[in-house]
């Protein structure tokens, strides 16, 4: 009686998985993941001021989350 639910869920899962797989292959084919230098050299060009600003922003965010009390 409930077999149609399982069949429907499996078919939808296979359909969505195939769309995701096709999207991944399309991205690889079109060079979406070819920018290796961006990730490798990202920290090389970070200055001390930018890193300090990011640290202060993270500490401020943590303090706000710590003090936040939903009503």
C-alpha atoms as a PDB file:
ATOM      1  CA  UNK A   1       0.000   0.000   0.000  1.00  0.00           C
ATOM      2  CA  UNK A   2       2.781   2.416   0.867  1.00  0.00           C
ATOM      3  CA  UNK A   3       5.075   1.198  -1.888  1.00  0.00           C
ATOM      4  CA  UNK A   4       4.134   4.108  -4.141  1.00  0.00           C
ATOM      5  CA  UNK A   5       5.580   6.551  -1.571  1.00  0.00           C
ATOM      6  CA  UNK A   6       8.922   4.779  -1.625  1.00  0.00           C
ATOM      7  CA  UNK A   7       8.915   4.614  -5.422  1.00  0.00           C
ATOM      8  CA  UNK A   8       8.035   8.314  -5.651  1.00  0.00           C
ATOM      9  CA  UNK A   9      10.736   9.318  -3.154  1.00  0.00           C
ATOM     10  CA  UNK A  10      13.364   7.201  -4.912  1.00  0.00           C
ATOM     11  CA  UNK A  11      12.483   8.601  -8.326  1.00  0.00           C
ATOM     12  CA  UNK A  12      12.570  12.200  -7.074  1.00  0.00           C
ATOM     13  CA  UNK A  13      15.902  11.542  -5.342  1.00  0.00           C
ATOM     14  CA  UNK A  14      17.410  10.020  -8.471  1.00  0.00           C
ATOM     15  CA  UNK A  15      16.096  12.921 -10.577  1.00  0.00           C
ATOM     16  CA  UNK A  16      17.495  15.596  -8.242  1.00  0.00           C
ATOM     17  CA  UNK A  17      20.787  13.745  -7.876  1.00  0.00           C
ATOM     18  CA  UNK A  18      21.192  13.514 -11.633  1.00  0.00           C
ATOM     19  CA  UNK A  19      20.533  17.256 -11.957  1.00  0.00           C
ATOM     20  CA  UNK A  20      23.178  17.977  -9.314  1.00  0.00           C
ATOM     21  CA  UNK A  21      25.661  15.646 -10.994  1.00  0.00           C
ATOM     22  CA  UNK A  22      25.011  17.225 -14.394  1.00  0.00           C
ATOM     23  CA  UNK A  23      25.543  20.674 -12.852  1.00  0.00           C
ATOM     24  CA  UNK A  24      28.828  19.563 -11.331  1.00  0.00           C
ATOM     25  CA  UNK A  25      30.077  18.140 -14.623  1.00  0.00           C
ATOM     26  CA  UNK A  26      29.008  21.324 -16.423  1.00  0.00           C
ATOM     27  CA  UNK A  27      30.946  23.435 -13.902  1.00  0.00           C
ATOM     28  CA  UNK A  28      34.068  21.298 -14.296  1.00  0.00           C
ATOM     29  CA  UNK A  29      33.800  21.414 -18.088  1.00  0.00           C
ATOM     30  CA  UNK A  30      33.463  25.208 -18.126  1.00  0.00           C
ATOM     31  CA  UNK A  31      36.412  25.794 -15.785  1.00  0.00           C
ATOM     32  CA  UNK A  32      34.584  26.957 -12.668  1.00  0.00           C
ATOM     33  CA  UNK A  33      37.157  25.262 -10.433  1.00  0.00           C
ATOM     34  CA  UNK A  34      40.303  26.176 -12.378  1.00  0.00           C
ATOM     35  CA  UNK A  35      41.349  29.209 -10.306  1.00  0.00           C
ATOM     36  CA  UNK A  36      43.896  27.445  -8.102  1.00  0.00           C
ATOM     37  CA  UNK A  37      46.076  30.524  -7.655  1.00  0.00           C
ATOM     38  CA  UNK A  38      43.266  32.430  -5.992  1.00  0.00           C
ATOM     39  CA  UNK A  39      43.169  30.009  -3.090  1.00  0.00           C
ATOM     40  CA  UNK A  40      46.882  29.320  -2.950  1.00  0.00           C
ATOM     41  CA  UNK A  41      47.873  33.007  -2.879  1.00  0.00           C
ATOM     42  CA  UNK A  42      44.948  34.331  -0.849  1.00  0.00           C
ATOM     43  CA  UNK A  43      46.875  34.576   2.408  1.00  0.00           C
ATOM     44  CA  UNK A  44      50.004  35.909   0.728  1.00  0.00           C
ATOM     45  CA  UNK A  45      48.321  39.221  -0.064  1.00  0.00           C
ATOM     46  CA  UNK A  46      46.520  39.692   3.256  1.00  0.00           C
ATOM     47  CA  UNK A  47      47.963  42.618   5.105  1.00  0.00           C
ATOM     48  CA  UNK A  48      48.298  42.925   8.852  1.00  0.00           C
ATOM     49  CA  UNK A  49      45.605  45.611   8.996  1.00  0.00           C
ATOM     50  CA  UNK A  50      43.060  43.453   7.183  1.00  0.00           C
ATOM     51  CA  UNK A  51      43.786  40.489   9.447  1.00  0.00           C
ATOM     52  CA  UNK A  52      43.446  42.656  12.562  1.00  0.00           C
ATOM     53  CA  UNK A  53      40.133  44.049  11.293  1.00  0.00           C
ATOM     54  CA  UNK A  54      38.856  40.540  10.632  1.00  0.00           C
ATOM     55  CA  UNK A  55      39.894  39.450  14.135  1.00  0.00           C
ATOM     56  CA  UNK A  56      38.147  42.436  15.750  1.00  0.00           C
ATOM     57  CA  UNK A  57      35.008  41.797  13.712  1.00  0.00           C
ATOM     58  CA  UNK A  58      34.974  38.140  14.786  1.00  0.00           C
ATOM     59  CA  UNK A  59      35.379  39.084  18.460  1.00  0.00           C
ATOM     60  CA  UNK A  60      32.574  41.651  18.153  1.00  0.00           C
ATOM     61  CA  UNK A  61      30.326  39.051  16.530  1.00  0.00           C
ATOM     62  CA  UNK A  62      31.076  36.546  19.301  1.00  0.00           C
ATOM     63  CA  UNK A  63      30.287  39.150  21.976  1.00  0.00           C
ATOM     64  CA  UNK A  64      26.983  40.011  20.317  1.00  0.00           C
ATOM     65  CA  UNK A  65      26.001  36.342  20.104  1.00  0.00           C
ATOM     66  CA  UNK A  66      26.989  35.804  23.733  1.00  0.00           C
ATOM     67  CA  UNK A  67      24.879  38.732  24.939  1.00  0.00           C
ATOM     68  CA  UNK A  68      21.898  37.989  22.707  1.00  0.00           C
ATOM     69  CA  UNK A  69      18.900  36.678  24.622  1.00  0.00           C
ATOM     70  CA  UNK A  70      15.752  35.957  22.636  1.00  0.00           C
ATOM     71  CA  UNK A  71      12.542  37.022  24.322  1.00  0.00           C
END
